[in-house]
Amino acid sequence: MLWVKAFHIVFIASWFAGLFYLPRIFVNLAMVPPGSEAERQRLLLMSKKLFRFMTMLAVPALGLGLWLWLGYGIGTGSGNGWMHAKLLVVVLLLGYHHACWLLLKKFERSENRRSHVWFRWFNEAPVILMVVAVLLVVIKPF
């Protein structure tokens, strides 16, 4: 079980690196001046590659998490309300991941209407969700 747990943590940390960095690229994309097509294309290429990479990291992270939960019974039984809250955080993270994909598609079609300031705030969501998930898993408050 410790191997599964260790690799789960590695893949989660790697997935979060993408969740933290992709919106930072969106900040830069939102700031590209009109007519700077080479810069826009470079940032779009970076965004697409990072999104693909972080999606490939999310799959084993989720799979290993399911293995720990269902295979080893971590978080099952009474007194494990923390696991339900953590699963909600995971669902929110998957929604955030999907929202990143939708935003990337808007940038590709040149349909983004959001400012770089909005993307700076958007970038804070995975940080908050990570803190909540870690606190739930470590402290197990309920």
Protein backbone atom coordinates (compact mmCIF):
# COMPACT_ATOMS: atom_id res chain seq x y z
CA MET A 1 0.00 0.00 0.00
CA LEU A 2 2.86 2.40 0.71
CA TRP A 3 4.03 2.18 -2.92
CA VAL A 4 0.55 3.06 -4.14
CA LYS A 5 0.33 5.93 -1.66
CA ALA A 6 3.79 7.24 -2.63
CA PHE A 7 3.04 7.21 -6.36
CA HIS A 8 -0.38 8.77 -5.70
CA ILE A 9 1.36 11.69 -3.98
CA VAL A 10 3.92 12.03 -6.80
CA PHE A 11 1.23 12.13 -9.50
CA ILE A 12 -0.96 14.50 -7.49
CA ALA A 13 1.98 16.89 -6.99
CA SER A 14 2.80 16.72 -10.69
CA TRP A 15 -0.82 17.31 -11.73
CA PHE A 16 -1.00 20.29 -9.40
CA ALA A 17 2.12 21.77 -10.98
CA GLY A 18 0.16 21.94 -14.24
CA LEU A 19 -2.95 23.28 -12.51
CA PHE A 20 -0.82 26.04 -10.99
CA TYR A 21 1.12 26.94 -14.13
CA LEU A 22 -1.43 26.75 -16.96
CA PRO A 23 -3.48 29.70 -15.65
CA ARG A 24 -0.22 31.68 -15.38
CA ILE A 25 0.23 31.14 -19.12
CA PHE A 26 -3.38 32.31 -19.54
CA VAL A 27 -2.41 35.52 -17.71
CA ASN A 28 0.32 36.06 -20.31
CA LEU A 29 -2.00 35.17 -23.18
CA ALA A 30 -4.54 37.71 -21.95
CA MET A 31 -1.79 40.35 -21.96
CA VAL A 32 -0.54 39.70 -25.52
CA PRO A 33 -0.84 42.97 -27.43
CA PRO A 34 -2.84 42.95 -30.66
CA GLY A 35 -0.65 42.06 -33.61
CA SER A 36 1.84 39.97 -31.62
CA GLU A 37 0.86 36.75 -33.37
CA ALA A 38 4.20 34.98 -32.84
CA GLU A 39 4.01 35.52 -29.07
CA ARG A 40 0.37 34.41 -29.01
CA GLN A 41 1.16 31.23 -30.98
CA ARG A 42 4.12 30.41 -28.73
CA LEU A 43 2.00 30.76 -25.59
CA LEU A 44 -0.82 28.73 -27.14
CA LEU A 45 1.61 25.94 -28.02
CA MET A 46 2.95 25.95 -24.46
CA SER A 47 -0.61 25.86 -23.10
CA LYS A 48 -1.68 22.96 -25.29
CA LYS A 49 1.39 20.90 -24.44
CA LEU A 50 1.04 21.60 -20.73
CA PHE A 51 -2.66 20.73 -20.76
CA ARG A 52 -1.94 17.39 -22.46
CA PHE A 53 0.85 16.65 -19.98
CA MET A 54 -1.18 17.54 -16.89
CA THR A 55 -4.10 15.45 -18.16
CA MET A 56 -1.77 12.46 -18.51
CA LEU A 57 -0.65 13.05 -14.91
CA ALA A 58 -4.21 13.39 -13.58
CA VAL A 59 -5.24 9.95 -14.84
CA PRO A 60 -2.81 7.88 -12.71
CA ALA A 61 -3.30 10.29 -9.79
CA LEU A 62 -7.02 9.58 -9.84
CA GLY A 63 -6.55 5.88 -10.52
CA LEU A 64 -4.17 5.44 -7.61
CA GLY A 65 -6.48 7.44 -5.38
CA LEU A 66 -9.36 5.13 -6.29
CA TRP A 67 -7.11 2.14 -5.58
CA LEU A 68 -6.33 3.49 -2.10
CA TRP A 69 -9.98 4.29 -1.41
CA LEU A 70 -11.70 1.22 -2.84
CA GLY A 71 -8.87 -1.33 -2.88
CA TYR A 72 -7.42 -0.67 0.55
CA GLY A 73 -10.49 0.84 2.16
CA ILE A 74 -8.84 4.12 3.12
CA GLY A 75 -11.55 6.54 4.18
CA THR A 76 -14.34 3.96 4.29
CA GLY A 77 -16.44 3.11 7.32
CA SER A 78 -17.78 5.31 10.08
CA GLY A 79 -15.96 8.43 11.20
CA ASN A 80 -14.57 9.13 7.76
CA GLY A 81 -16.57 12.19 6.77
CA TRP A 82 -13.27 13.78 5.81
CA MET A 83 -13.12 11.44 2.81
CA HIS A 84 -16.48 12.67 1.52
CA ALA A 85 -15.22 16.24 1.79
CA LYS A 86 -11.97 15.28 0.04
CA LEU A 87 -13.92 13.62 -2.76
CA LEU A 88 -15.83 16.87 -3.20
CA VAL A 89 -12.48 18.68 -3.49
CA VAL A 90 -11.39 16.14 -6.15
CA VAL A 91 -14.61 16.76 -8.11
CA LEU A 92 -13.99 20.52 -7.89
CA LEU A 93 -10.42 20.00 -9.12
CA LEU A 94 -11.69 17.97 -12.06
CA GLY A 95 -14.12 20.80 -12.81
CA TYR A 96 -11.24 23.28 -12.64
CA HIS A 97 -9.19 21.09 -14.98
CA HIS A 98 -12.12 21.02 -17.41
CA ALA A 99 -12.56 24.80 -17.10
CA CYS A 100 -8.88 25.19 -18.08
CA TRP A 101 -9.57 23.15 -21.21
CA LEU A 102 -12.58 25.33 -22.08
CA LEU A 103 -10.54 28.51 -21.55
CA LEU A 104 -7.73 27.13 -23.71
CA LYS A 105 -10.24 26.46 -26.49
CA LYS A 106 -11.46 30.06 -26.23
CA PHE A 107 -7.90 31.34 -26.55
CA GLU A 108 -7.37 29.11 -29.60
CA ARG A 109 -10.46 30.61 -31.26
CA SER A 110 -9.46 34.15 -30.19
CA GLU A 111 -12.67 34.41 -28.18
CA ASN A 112 -11.24 35.21 -24.75
CA ARG A 113 -12.91 38.25 -23.21
CA ARG A 114 -11.41 37.96 -19.71
CA SER A 115 -8.63 40.19 -18.40
CA HIS A 116 -5.26 39.13 -17.08
CA VAL A 117 -6.49 40.19 -13.62
CA TRP A 118 -9.35 37.69 -13.83
CA PHE A 119 -6.88 34.93 -14.71
CA ARG A 120 -4.69 35.91 -11.75
CA TRP A 121 -7.67 35.32 -9.45
CA PHE A 122 -8.64 32.15 -11.32
CA ASN A 123 -5.13 30.88 -10.65
CA GLU A 124 -5.74 30.94 -6.89
CA ALA A 125 -8.47 28.25 -6.89
CA PRO A 126 -6.17 25.19 -7.09
CA VAL A 127 -4.02 26.58 -4.27
CA ILE A 128 -7.05 26.84 -1.99
CA LEU A 129 -8.31 23.40 -3.02
CA MET A 130 -4.90 21.84 -2.39
CA VAL A 131 -4.71 23.34 1.10
CA VAL A 132 -8.21 22.04 1.90
CA ALA A 133 -7.40 18.55 0.58
CA VAL A 134 -4.15 18.31 2.54
CA LEU A 135 -5.82 19.50 5.73
CA LEU A 136 -8.64 16.99 5.30
CA VAL A 137 -6.26 14.07 4.71
CA VAL A 138 -3.77 14.94 7.45
CA ILE A 139 -6.05 16.26 10.20
CA LYS A 140 -9.19 14.19 9.38
CA PRO A 141 -11.41 16.71 11.19
CA PHE A 142 -14.60 14.64 10.94
